[in-house]
C-alpha atoms as a PDB file:
ATOM      1  CA  MET A   1      60.409 128.439  21.658  1.00  0.00           C
ATOM      2  CA  THR A   2      62.396 129.910  24.257  1.00  0.00           C
ATOM      3  CA  THR A   3      65.135 128.976  25.607  1.00  0.00           C
ATOM      4  CA  THR A   4      66.588 129.682  28.765  1.00  0.00           C
ATOM      5  CA  ALA A   5      70.017 131.342  29.150  1.00  0.00           C
ATOM      6  CA  PHE A   6      71.874 129.002  31.786  1.00  0.00           C
ATOM      7  CA  LYS A   7      75.011 131.218  33.403  1.00  0.00           C
ATOM      8  CA  GLU A   8      77.810 129.326  34.441  1.00  0.00           C
ATOM      9  CA  PRO A   9      78.476 130.051  38.192  1.00  0.00           C
ATOM     10  CA  VAL A  10      81.437 131.956  39.128  1.00  0.00           C
ATOM     11  CA  ARG A  11      84.619 129.796  40.493  1.00  0.00           C
ATOM     12  CA  ARG A  12      86.613 131.360  43.060  1.00  0.00           C
ATOM     13  CA  ALA A  13      89.972 130.822  44.121  1.00  0.00           C
ATOM     14  CA  PRO A  14      90.112 128.402  47.252  1.00  0.00           C
ATOM     15  CA  SER A  15      91.737 131.403  49.251  1.00  0.00           C
ATOM     16  CA  GLU A  16      89.133 133.461  48.485  1.00  0.00           C
ATOM     17  CA  VAL A  17      86.854 131.091  49.569  1.00  0.00           C
ATOM     18  CA  ALA A  18      88.795 130.564  52.882  1.00  0.00           C
ATOM     19  CA  ALA A  19      89.052 134.098  53.369  1.00  0.00           C
ATOM     20  CA  ARG A  20      85.575 134.830  53.012  1.00  0.00           C
ATOM     21  CA  ALA A  21      84.632 131.888  55.367  1.00  0.00           C
ATOM     22  CA  PRO A  22      84.104 132.560  59.104  1.00  0.00           C
ATOM     23  CA  ARG A  23      86.223 131.191  61.472  1.00  0.00           C
ATOM     24  CA  ARG A  24      85.326 128.267  64.023  1.00  0.00           C
ATOM     25  CA  PRO A  25      85.580 129.107  67.339  1.00  0.00           C
ATOM     26  CA  GLY A  26      86.311 125.041  67.720  1.00  0.00           C
ATOM     27  CA  ARG A  27      89.524 125.734  65.780  1.00  0.00           C
ATOM     28  CA  LEU A  28      90.962 127.966  68.099  1.00  0.00           C
ATOM     29  CA  ARG A  29      89.807 125.688  71.203  1.00  0.00           C
ATOM     30  CA  ARG A  30      91.336 122.507  69.675  1.00  0.00           C
ATOM     31  CA  LEU A  31      94.773 124.372  68.782  1.00  0.00           C
ATOM     32  CA  SER A  32      94.701 125.572  72.055  1.00  0.00           C
ATOM     33  CA  LEU A  33      93.654 122.064  74.152  1.00  0.00           C
ATOM     34  CA  PRO A  34      97.445 120.353  74.486  1.00  0.00           C
ATOM     35  CA  TYR A  35      99.024 123.783  75.961  1.00  0.00           C
ATOM     36  CA  LEU A  36      95.797 124.105  78.434  1.00  0.00           C
ATOM     37  CA  LEU A  37      96.481 120.366  79.369  1.00  0.00           C
ATOM     38  CA  LEU A  38     100.555 120.920  79.718  1.00  0.00           C
ATOM     39  CA  LEU A  39      99.522 124.207  82.264  1.00  0.00           C
ATOM     40  CA  PRO A  40      99.047 122.583  85.175  1.00  0.00           C
ATOM     41  CA  ALA A  41     102.356 119.949  84.461  1.00  0.00           C
ATOM     42  CA  LEU A  42     104.492 123.240  83.917  1.00  0.00           C
ATOM     43  CA  LEU A  43     103.048 125.128  87.022  1.00  0.00           C
ATOM     44  CA  LEU A  44     103.602 121.643  89.397  1.00  0.00           C
ATOM     45  CA  GLU A  45     107.061 122.069  87.738  1.00  0.00           C
ATOM     46  CA  LEU A  46     108.043 125.773  88.729  1.00  0.00           C
ATOM     47  CA  LEU A  47     106.496 124.855  92.031  1.00  0.00           C
ATOM     48  CA  VAL A  48     108.197 121.577  92.919  1.00  0.00           C
ATOM     49  CA  HIS A  49     111.975 122.714  90.766  1.00  0.00           C
ATOM     50  CA  LEU A  50     112.664 126.107  89.910  1.00  0.00           C
ATOM     51  CA  VAL A  51     111.023 127.880  93.027  1.00  0.00           C
ATOM     52  CA  PRO A  52     113.456 126.114  95.692  1.00  0.00           C
ATOM     53  CA  MET A  53     116.353 126.255  93.305  1.00  0.00           C
ATOM     54  CA  VAL A  54     115.843 130.399  93.240  1.00  0.00           C
ATOM     55  CA  ILE A  55     115.392 129.915  97.043  1.00  0.00           C
ATOM     56  CA  GLY A  56     118.690 127.892  97.795  1.00  0.00           C
ATOM     57  CA  VAL A  57     120.760 130.570  95.448  1.00  0.00           C
ATOM     58  CA  VAL A  58     119.293 133.290  97.305  1.00  0.00           C
ATOM     59  CA  MET A  59     119.860 131.722 100.576  1.00  0.00           C
ATOM     60  CA  SER A  60     123.674 130.789  99.736  1.00  0.00           C
ATOM     61  CA  PHE A  61     124.392 134.700  99.990  1.00  0.00           C
ATOM     62  CA  LYS A  62     122.979 134.955 103.529  1.00  0.00           C
ATOM     63  CA  GLU A  63     124.454 133.769 106.759  1.00  0.00           C
ATOM     64  CA  LEU A  64     121.939 131.299 107.458  1.00  0.00           C
ATOM     65  CA  THR A  65     122.391 129.758 110.743  1.00  0.00           C
ATOM     66  CA  GLN A  66     120.386 128.234 113.354  1.00  0.00           C
ATOM     67  CA  PHE A  67     119.633 131.647 114.641  1.00  0.00           C
ATOM     68  CA  TYR A  68     117.400 132.439 111.855  1.00  0.00           C
ATOM     69  CA  ILE A  69     115.551 129.380 111.033  1.00  0.00           C
ATOM     70  CA  ARG A  70     112.244 130.893 112.322  1.00  0.00           C
ATOM     71  CA  ASP A  71     112.426 134.004 110.185  1.00  0.00           C
ATOM     72  CA  TRP A  72     115.570 133.007 107.431  1.00  0.00           C
ATOM     73  CA  GLY A  73     114.470 136.369 105.512  1.00  0.00           C
ATOM     74  CA  THR A  74     116.112 138.521 108.156  1.00  0.00           C
ATOM     75  CA  ALA A  75     119.366 136.686 107.967  1.00  0.00           C
ATOM     76  CA  PRO A  76     122.074 138.822 107.069  1.00  0.00           C
ATOM     77  CA  TRP A  77     123.952 139.125 103.536  1.00  0.00           C
ATOM     78  CA  SER A  78     127.389 137.861 103.116  1.00  0.00           C
ATOM     79  CA  GLY A  79     127.683 138.201  99.805  1.00  0.00           C
ATOM     80  CA  LEU A  80     130.205 135.427  98.357  1.00  0.00           C
ATOM     81  CA  GLY A  81     131.298 134.786 101.470  1.00  0.00           C
ATOM     82  CA  ASN A  82     129.815 131.196 102.008  1.00  0.00           C
ATOM     83  CA  TYR A  83     131.605 130.609  98.730  1.00  0.00           C
ATOM     84  CA  ARG A  84     134.835 131.707  99.739  1.00  0.00           C
ATOM     85  CA  VAL A  85     134.580 128.933 102.818  1.00  0.00           C
ATOM     86  CA  SER A  86     133.376 126.547 100.703  1.00  0.00           C
ATOM     87  CA  VAL A  87     136.579 126.397  98.218  1.00  0.00           C
ATOM     88  CA  ASP A  88     139.347 127.593 100.880  1.00  0.00           C
ATOM     89  CA  PHE A  89     140.432 124.131 100.812  1.00  0.00           C
ATOM     90  CA  ASP A  90     143.082 124.983 103.229  1.00  0.00           C
ATOM     91  CA  ALA A  91     140.407 125.376 105.854  1.00  0.00           C
ATOM     92  CA  PRO A  92     138.670 122.778 107.612  1.00  0.00           C
ATOM     93  CA  VAL A  93     135.128 123.117 105.495  1.00  0.00           C
ATOM     94  CA  GLY A  94     137.004 123.563 102.136  1.00  0.00           C
ATOM     95  CA  GLU A  95     138.957 121.067 103.016  1.00  0.00           C
ATOM     96  CA  ALA A  96     136.420 118.051 103.749  1.00  0.00           C
ATOM     97  CA  LEU A  97     134.392 119.349 100.823  1.00  0.00           C
ATOM     98  CA  LEU A  98     136.853 118.541  98.607  1.00  0.00           C
ATOM     99  CA  HIS A  99     137.548 115.207  99.839  1.00  0.00           C
ATOM    100  CA  SER A 100     134.072 114.331  99.663  1.00  0.00           C
ATOM    101  CA  PHE A 101     134.209 115.689  95.976  1.00  0.00           C
ATOM    102  CA  LEU A 102     137.085 113.499  95.232  1.00  0.00           C
ATOM    103  CA  VAL A 103     135.259 110.558  96.472  1.00  0.00           C
ATOM    104  CA  THR A 104     132.007 111.292  94.989  1.00  0.00           C
ATOM    105  CA  VAL A 105     134.271 111.236  91.217  1.00  0.00           C
ATOM    106  CA  GLY A 106     135.673 107.833  92.039  1.00  0.00           C
ATOM    107  CA  PHE A 107     132.833 106.666  93.124  1.00  0.00           C
ATOM    108  CA  THR A 108     130.484 107.421  90.213  1.00  0.00           C
ATOM    109  CA  LEU A 109     133.008 106.958  87.585  1.00  0.00           C
ATOM    110  CA  LEU A 110     133.645 103.147  88.953  1.00  0.00           C
ATOM    111  CA  SER A 111     129.578 103.019  89.346  1.00  0.00           C
ATOM    112  CA  VAL A 112     128.720 104.301  85.886  1.00  0.00           C
ATOM    113  CA  GLY A 113     131.828 101.825  84.286  1.00  0.00           C
ATOM    114  CA  LEU A 114     130.252  98.724  86.100  1.00  0.00           C
ATOM    115  CA  CYS A 115     126.750  99.479  85.266  1.00  0.00           C
ATOM    116  CA  TRP A 116     127.282 100.159  81.398  1.00  0.00           C
ATOM    117  CA  LEU A 117     129.718  96.914  81.175  1.00  0.00           C
ATOM    118  CA  ILE A 118     127.721  94.416  82.810  1.00  0.00           C
ATOM    119  CA  GLY A 119     124.506  95.925  81.249  1.00  0.00           C
ATOM    120  CA  THR A 120     126.049  95.561  77.599  1.00  0.00           C
ATOM    121  CA  ALA A 121     127.432  92.597  78.238  1.00  0.00           C
ATOM    122  CA  ALA A 122     123.963  90.931  79.820  1.00  0.00           C
ATOM    123  CA  ALA A 123     122.436  92.700  76.725  1.00  0.00           C
ATOM    124  CA  VAL A 124     124.699  91.015  74.277  1.00  0.00           C
ATOM    125  CA  PHE A 125     124.148  87.846  75.850  1.00  0.00           C
ATOM    126  CA  MET A 126     120.350  87.753  75.890  1.00  0.00           C
ATOM    127  CA  GLN A 127     119.882  88.601  72.118  1.00  0.00           C
ATOM    128  CA  ASP A 128     120.426  85.192  71.611  1.00  0.00           C
ATOM    129  CA  THR A 129     117.492  82.846  71.179  1.00  0.00           C
ATOM    130  CA  PHE A 130     117.044  79.947  74.267  1.00  0.00           C
ATOM    131  CA  ARG A 131     114.489  78.539  76.357  1.00  0.00           C
ATOM    132  CA  GLY A 132     114.001  80.536  79.724  1.00  0.00           C
ATOM    133  CA  ARG A 133     114.936  83.972  78.033  1.00  0.00           C
ATOM    134  CA  GLY A 134     112.279  85.745  79.194  1.00  0.00           C
ATOM    135  CA  LEU A 135     112.167  84.825  82.488  1.00  0.00           C
ATOM    136  CA  LEU A 136     115.930  85.750  82.823  1.00  0.00           C
ATOM    137  CA  ARG A 137     114.804  89.390  81.474  1.00  0.00           C
ATOM    138  CA  ALA A 138     112.539  89.479  83.879  1.00  0.00           C
ATOM    139  CA  LEU A 139     114.948  88.774  86.499  1.00  0.00           C
ATOM    140  CA  PHE A 140     117.504  90.862  85.335  1.00  0.00           C
ATOM    141  CA  LEU A 141     115.316  93.855  86.371  1.00  0.00           C
ATOM    142  CA  VAL A 142     114.220  92.886  89.457  1.00  0.00           C
ATOM    143  CA  PRO A 143     116.602  95.251  91.307  1.00  0.00           C
ATOM    144  CA  TYR A 144     115.820  98.155  88.982  1.00  0.00           C
ATOM    145  CA  ALA A 145     112.156  97.651  89.927  1.00  0.00           C
ATOM    146  CA  LEU A 146     112.294  97.591  93.508  1.00  0.00           C
ATOM    147  CA  PRO A 147     111.944 100.544  95.907  1.00  0.00           C
ATOM    148  CA  VAL A 148     115.233 102.176  96.625  1.00  0.00           C
ATOM    149  CA  TYR A 149     114.505 102.112 100.458  1.00  0.00           C
ATOM    150  CA  THR A 150     113.756  98.187 100.135  1.00  0.00           C
ATOM    151  CA  ALA A 151     116.571  97.523  98.465  1.00  0.00           C
ATOM    152  CA  VAL A 152     119.185  99.629 100.370  1.00  0.00           C
ATOM    153  CA  ILE A 153     118.013  98.376 103.724  1.00  0.00           C
ATOM    154  CA  THR A 154     118.312  94.741 102.296  1.00  0.00           C
ATOM    155  CA  TRP A 155     121.432  95.451 101.741  1.00  0.00           C
ATOM    156  CA  ALA A 156     122.120  96.924 105.081  1.00  0.00           C
ATOM    157  CA  PHE A 157     120.929  93.740 106.885  1.00  0.00           C
ATOM    158  CA  MET A 158     123.450  91.707 104.076  1.00  0.00           C
ATOM    159  CA  PHE A 159     126.506  93.949 104.960  1.00  0.00           C
ATOM    160  CA  GLN A 160     126.074  93.406 108.901  1.00  0.00           C
ATOM    161  CA  HIS A 161     129.160  92.285 110.882  1.00  0.00           C
ATOM    162  CA  ASP A 162     127.547  89.679 113.098  1.00  0.00           C
ATOM    163  CA  ASN A 163     124.800  87.831 110.960  1.00  0.00           C
ATOM    164  CA  GLY A 164     125.211  89.648 107.632  1.00  0.00           C
ATOM    165  CA  LEU A 165     124.872  87.237 104.141  1.00  0.00           C
ATOM    166  CA  VAL A 166     128.000  88.842 103.013  1.00  0.00           C
ATOM    167  CA  ASN A 167     129.959  87.712 105.791  1.00  0.00           C
ATOM    168  CA  HIS A 168     128.569  84.997 106.246  1.00  0.00           C
ATOM    169  CA  VAL A 169     129.575  83.539 102.252  1.00  0.00           C
ATOM    170  CA  LEU A 170     132.643  85.010 102.759  1.00  0.00           C
ATOM    171  CA  HIS A 171     134.055  84.095 105.860  1.00  0.00           C
ATOM    172  CA  ASP A 172     131.887  81.185 106.811  1.00  0.00           C
ATOM    173  CA  GLN A 173     131.835  79.240 103.525  1.00  0.00           C
ATOM    174  CA  LEU A 174     134.314  80.733 101.094  1.00  0.00           C
ATOM    175  CA  HIS A 175     136.954  81.253 103.935  1.00  0.00           C
ATOM    176  CA  LEU A 176     138.171  84.098 101.305  1.00  0.00           C
ATOM    177  CA  THR A 177     138.514  86.342 104.959  1.00  0.00           C
ATOM    178  CA  GLY A 178     140.577  85.841 108.288  1.00  0.00           C
ATOM    179  CA  LYS A 179     137.703  87.408 110.183  1.00  0.00           C
ATOM    180  CA  PRO A 180     134.252  89.001 109.121  1.00  0.00           C
ATOM    181  CA  SER A 181     134.642  92.294 107.769  1.00  0.00           C
ATOM    182  CA  PHE A 182     132.831  95.662 109.136  1.00  0.00           C
ATOM    183  CA  TRP A 183     131.047  96.906 105.761  1.00  0.00           C
ATOM    184  CA  LEU A 184     129.411  99.537 106.815  1.00  0.00           C
ATOM    185  CA  ILE A 185     132.389 101.451 108.624  1.00  0.00           C
ATOM    186  CA  GLY A 186     135.694 102.094 107.582  1.00  0.00           C
ATOM    187  CA  ASP A 187     137.329 101.767 104.233  1.00  0.00           C
ATOM    188  CA  ASN A 188     135.153  98.878 103.435  1.00  0.00           C
ATOM    189  CA  SER A 189     132.098 101.248 103.547  1.00  0.00           C
ATOM    190  CA  PHE A 190     133.215 102.484  99.709  1.00  0.00           C
ATOM    191  CA  TYR A 191     132.895  98.799  98.406  1.00  0.00           C
ATOM    192  CA  ALA A 192     129.921  98.249 100.053  1.00  0.00           C
ATOM    193  CA  LEU A 193     128.097 101.603  98.578  1.00  0.00           C
ATOM    194  CA  LEU A 194     129.467 100.731  95.067  1.00  0.00           C
ATOM    195  CA  THR A 195     128.172  97.102  95.234  1.00  0.00           C
ATOM    196  CA  VAL A 196     124.644  98.737  96.051  1.00  0.00           C
ATOM    197  CA  SER A 197     124.978 101.375  93.463  1.00  0.00           C
ATOM    198  CA  VAL A 198     126.200  99.074  90.524  1.00  0.00           C
ATOM    199  CA  TRP A 199     123.331  96.307  91.541  1.00  0.00           C
ATOM    200  CA  LYS A 200     120.677  99.002  91.371  1.00  0.00           C
ATOM    201  CA  GLY A 201     122.127 100.776  88.534  1.00  0.00           C
ATOM    202  CA  TRP A 202     122.867  97.701  85.689  1.00  0.00           C
ATOM    203  CA  PRO A 203     119.649  96.637  84.695  1.00  0.00           C
ATOM    204  CA  PHE A 204     119.076  99.864  83.662  1.00  0.00           C
ATOM    205  CA  ALA A 205     121.806 100.270  81.094  1.00  0.00           C
ATOM    206  CA  PHE A 206     120.533  96.458  80.391  1.00  0.00           C
ATOM    207  CA  LEU A 207     117.157  97.799  79.327  1.00  0.00           C
ATOM    208  CA  ILE A 208     118.577 100.869  77.641  1.00  0.00           C
ATOM    209  CA  VAL A 209     120.882  99.093  75.689  1.00  0.00           C
ATOM    210  CA  THR A 210     118.664  96.226  75.043  1.00  0.00           C
ATOM    211  CA  ALA A 211     116.589  98.513  73.122  1.00  0.00           C
ATOM    212  CA  GLY A 212     119.228  99.935  71.400  1.00  0.00           C
ATOM    213  CA  LEU A 213     120.363  96.250  69.904  1.00  0.00           C
ATOM    214  CA  GLN A 214     116.514  96.327  68.444  1.00  0.00           C
ATOM    215  CA  ASN A 215     117.445  99.124  65.692  1.00  0.00           C
ATOM    216  CA  ILE A 216     120.617  97.179  64.557  1.00  0.00           C
ATOM    217  CA  PRO A 217     119.452  95.207  61.190  1.00  0.00           C
ATOM    218  CA  GLY A 218     120.344  91.419  61.264  1.00  0.00           C
ATOM    219  CA  GLU A 219     122.275  91.210  58.057  1.00  0.00           C
ATOM    220  CA  LEU A 220     124.783  93.123  59.225  1.00  0.00           C
ATOM    221  CA  TYR A 221     125.900  90.248  61.548  1.00  0.00           C
ATOM    222  CA  GLU A 222     124.976  87.488  58.934  1.00  0.00           C
ATOM    223  CA  ALA A 223     127.289  89.345  56.399  1.00  0.00           C
ATOM    224  CA  ALA A 224     130.211  89.606  59.065  1.00  0.00           C
ATOM    225  CA  ALA A 225     129.812  85.729  59.764  1.00  0.00           C
ATOM    226  CA  LEU A 226     130.147  85.131  56.000  1.00  0.00           C
ATOM    227  CA  ASP A 227     132.914  86.901  56.185  1.00  0.00           C
ATOM    228  CA  GLY A 228     134.718  85.077  58.736  1.00  0.00           C
ATOM    229  CA  ALA A 229     134.071  87.572  61.945  1.00  0.00           C
ATOM    230  CA  GLY A 230     134.168  86.174  64.813  1.00  0.00           C
ATOM    231  CA  THR A 231     132.269  87.008  68.006  1.00  0.00           C
ATOM    232  CA  TRP A 232     134.195  89.579  69.542  1.00  0.00           C
ATOM    233  CA  GLN A 233     135.073  91.183  66.021  1.00  0.00           C
ATOM    234  CA  ARG A 234     131.115  91.425  65.641  1.00  0.00           C
ATOM    235  CA  ILE A 235     130.687  93.192  68.813  1.00  0.00           C
ATOM    236  CA  ARG A 236     133.624  95.332  67.944  1.00  0.00           C
ATOM    237  CA  ARG A 237     133.123  96.511  64.437  1.00  0.00           C
ATOM    238  CA  ILE A 238     129.003  96.499  64.362  1.00  0.00           C
ATOM    239  CA  THR A 239     127.460  96.486  67.859  1.00  0.00           C
ATOM    240  CA  LEU A 240     129.317  99.437  69.750  1.00  0.00           C
ATOM    241  CA  PRO A 241     129.517 101.464  66.976  1.00  0.00           C
ATOM    242  CA  SER A 242     125.930 101.017  66.335  1.00  0.00           C
ATOM    243  CA  LEU A 243     125.479 101.962  69.887  1.00  0.00           C
ATOM    244  CA  ARG A 244     127.152 104.701  70.197  1.00  0.00           C
ATOM    245  CA  PRO A 245     124.020 107.213  69.801  1.00  0.00           C
ATOM    246  CA  VAL A 246     122.611 105.016  72.567  1.00  0.00           C
ATOM    247  CA  ASN A 247     125.559 104.939  75.113  1.00  0.00           C
ATOM    248  CA  GLN A 248     126.466 108.668  74.970  1.00  0.00           C
ATOM    249  CA  VAL A 249     123.248 109.271  76.464  1.00  0.00           C
ATOM    250  CA  LEU A 250     123.292 106.428  78.566  1.00  0.00           C
ATOM    251  CA  VAL A 251     126.332 107.471  80.061  1.00  0.00           C
ATOM    252  CA  LEU A 252     125.381 110.982  80.890  1.00  0.00           C
ATOM    253  CA  VAL A 253     122.045 109.898  82.543  1.00  0.00           C
ATOM    254  CA  LEU A 254     123.931 107.248  84.894  1.00  0.00           C
ATOM    255  CA  PHE A 255     126.707 109.888  85.455  1.00  0.00           C
ATOM    256  CA  LEU A 256     124.147 112.745  86.520  1.00  0.00           C
ATOM    257  CA  TRP A 257     121.883 110.104  88.513  1.00  0.00           C
ATOM    258  CA  THR A 258     125.091 108.224  90.550  1.00  0.00           C
ATOM    259  CA  PHE A 259     126.635 111.835  91.091  1.00  0.00           C
ATOM    260  CA  ASN A 260     123.324 113.233  92.869  1.00  0.00           C
ATOM    261  CA  ASP A 261     122.643 110.242  94.256  1.00  0.00           C
ATOM    262  CA  PHE A 262     121.398 110.580  98.294  1.00  0.00           C
ATOM    263  CA  ASN A 263     119.039 107.926  98.558  1.00  0.00           C
ATOM    264  CA  THR A 264     121.629 104.749  98.696  1.00  0.00           C
ATOM    265  CA  PRO A 265     124.472 106.460 101.117  1.00  0.00           C
ATOM    266  CA  TYR A 266     121.544 107.642 103.203  1.00  0.00           C
ATOM    267  CA  VAL A 267     119.517 104.803 104.108  1.00  0.00           C
ATOM    268  CA  LEU A 268     122.699 102.398 103.917  1.00  0.00           C
ATOM    269  CA  PHE A 269     124.956 104.734 106.504  1.00  0.00           C
ATOM    270  CA  GLY A 270     122.493 106.909 108.727  1.00  0.00           C
ATOM    271  CA  LYS A 271     122.661 110.968 108.458  1.00  0.00           C
ATOM    272  CA  SER A 272     126.511 110.571 108.811  1.00  0.00           C
ATOM    273  CA  ALA A 273     128.386 108.340 106.192  1.00  0.00           C
ATOM    274  CA  PRO A 274     131.672 107.024 106.915  1.00  0.00           C
ATOM    275  CA  GLU A 275     134.791 109.139 105.617  1.00  0.00           C
ATOM    276  CA  ALA A 276     135.389 106.638 102.565  1.00  0.00           C
ATOM    277  CA  ALA A 277     132.308 107.197 101.606  1.00  0.00           C
ATOM    278  CA  ASP A 278     130.916 110.592 102.063  1.00  0.00           C
ATOM    279  CA  LEU A 279     129.586 111.632  99.011  1.00  0.00           C
ATOM    280  CA  VAL A 280     129.074 114.923  97.864  1.00  0.00           C
ATOM    281  CA  SER A 281     125.174 114.853  98.479  1.00  0.00           C
ATOM    282  CA  VAL A 282     125.513 113.675 102.266  1.00  0.00           C
ATOM    283  CA  HIS A 283     128.179 115.707 102.515  1.00  0.00           C
ATOM    284  CA  ILE A 284     125.892 118.752 101.683  1.00  0.00           C
ATOM    285  CA  TYR A 285     122.923 117.445 103.765  1.00  0.00           C
ATOM    286  CA  GLN A 286     125.080 117.238 106.778  1.00  0.00           C
ATOM    287  CA  SER A 287     126.697 120.725 106.388  1.00  0.00           C
ATOM    288  CA  SER A 288     122.799 122.075 106.374  1.00  0.00           C
ATOM    289  CA  PHE A 289     120.633 120.132 108.417  1.00  0.00           C
ATOM    290  CA  VAL A 290     123.049 118.821 111.445  1.00  0.00           C
ATOM    291  CA  THR A 291     125.906 121.597 111.630  1.00  0.00           C
ATOM    292  CA  TRP A 292     122.777 123.494 110.916  1.00  0.00           C
ATOM    293  CA  ASN A 293     124.802 126.144 108.366  1.00  0.00           C
ATOM    294  CA  PHE A 294     122.300 126.552 106.024  1.00  0.00           C
ATOM    295  CA  GLY A 295     124.057 129.489 104.034  1.00  0.00           C
ATOM    296  CA  THR A 296     127.351 127.174 103.557  1.00  0.00           C
ATOM    297  CA  GLY A 297     125.434 124.559 102.731  1.00  0.00           C
ATOM    298  CA  SER A 298     123.132 126.308  99.879  1.00  0.00           C
ATOM    299  CA  ALA A 299     126.604 127.547  98.327  1.00  0.00           C
ATOM    300  CA  MET A 300     127.935 124.121  98.375  1.00  0.00           C
ATOM    301  CA  SER A 301     124.359 123.035  96.083  1.00  0.00           C
ATOM    302  CA  VAL A 302     125.009 125.997  93.992  1.00  0.00           C
ATOM    303  CA  LEU A 303     128.748 125.085  93.174  1.00  0.00           C
ATOM    304  CA  LEU A 304     127.715 121.253  92.839  1.00  0.00           C
ATOM    305  CA  LEU A 305     125.016 122.618  89.888  1.00  0.00           C
ATOM    306  CA  LEU A 306     127.411 124.730  88.372  1.00  0.00           C
ATOM    307  CA  PHE A 307     130.023 121.889  88.207  1.00  0.00           C
ATOM    308  CA  LEU A 308     127.036 118.839  86.798  1.00  0.00           C
ATOM    309  CA  LEU A 309     126.145 121.703  84.199  1.00  0.00           C
ATOM    310  CA  VAL A 310     129.497 122.173  82.859  1.00  0.00           C
ATOM    311  CA  VAL A 311     130.258 119.017  83.096  1.00  0.00           C
ATOM    312  CA  THR A 312     127.385 118.127  81.342  1.00  0.00           C
ATOM    313  CA  GLY A 313     127.464 120.764  78.525  1.00  0.00           C
ATOM    314  CA  GLY A 314     131.379 119.862  77.613  1.00  0.00           C
ATOM    315  CA  TYR A 315     129.945 116.049  77.417  1.00  0.00           C
ATOM    316  CA  LEU A 316     127.558 117.116  75.011  1.00  0.00           C
ATOM    317  CA  LEU A 317     130.135 119.383  73.233  1.00  0.00           C
ATOM    318  CA  LEU A 318     132.001 116.638  72.716  1.00  0.00           C
ATOM    319  CA  THR A 319     129.734 114.000  71.870  1.00  0.00           C
ATOM    320  CA  SER A 320     128.246 116.157  69.255  1.00  0.00           C
ATOM    321  CA  ARG A 321     131.511 116.938  67.672  1.00  0.00           C
ATOM    322  CA  GLY A 322     132.406 113.241  67.470  1.00  0.00           C
ATOM    323  CA  ARG A 323     129.140 112.567  65.701  1.00  0.00           C
ATOM    324  CA  ARG A 324     129.344 114.922  63.115  1.00  0.00           C
ATOM    325  CA  ALA A 325     133.461 113.875  62.747  1.00  0.00           C
ATOM    326  CA  ALA A 326     131.835 110.581  61.946  1.00  0.00           C
ATOM    327  CA  ASP A 327     129.198 111.806  59.472  1.00  0.00           C
ATOM    328  CA  VAL A 328     131.867 113.298  57.208  1.00  0.00           C
END
């Protein structure tokens, strides 16, 4: 009887098998596919944002006026001359820019503060379950969903002196003013602009804070209620500390949006905003496209960009230190 010797197959290490296995072209294709899909967006981002930004920086070093509009590359270099004119606060150009900057700072602080306050209060109020809450939430988001031009044009009609709804309510019905007010000129233009900005901005704060409230466990409120904490104590001890990371991002976004807002004052007042509502964005537009001094306008834009970068960097540094101190 013959016996057949069976040899046990040689077992190889997985790494050795993987090393001998041929590389599949499909794997490389799968790894590169996400980057290929992102490439069009990246190119469009460079084309729309980065290229005009670089051109604007170059223009800020040139004496680019209406005489060189046809071929702006031939405009003579001025070095830092446009920047010196912009920051010379004793001269008319620098003084007007400083006034516009201070108006923008005051407007931004008030608008961001009111948007955050109203949005947070509405979000906390809407946490309770009651009939019609869904409809009320949808109505709260209407100002945010409307196109900017539609909303601002509607407010411009409402602020009209003779037949506007604001004067009709304040003067004709409530008799709060002695005579109809001019809301789109003079000092009242600042309050008109602030009203429109807050009306457009607070639903965004409401939306973000509402999303942040969903991450707070309900057990915390139940335990606080059992300990005898009132509504304000629960808000101060639980809600606001838990919303700190959300509020830090929210305030920064609202600040950048409001400080750079151009559509609202431009649609509300036109090309020349009143002195009381002369925001930096509109002031730079007037310096560039009304007086045809694109070199000075570009220098102002670069200064605005540097200011926002410094403020954003300082804000992020302070908030990160605050988070580390809270964790310790």
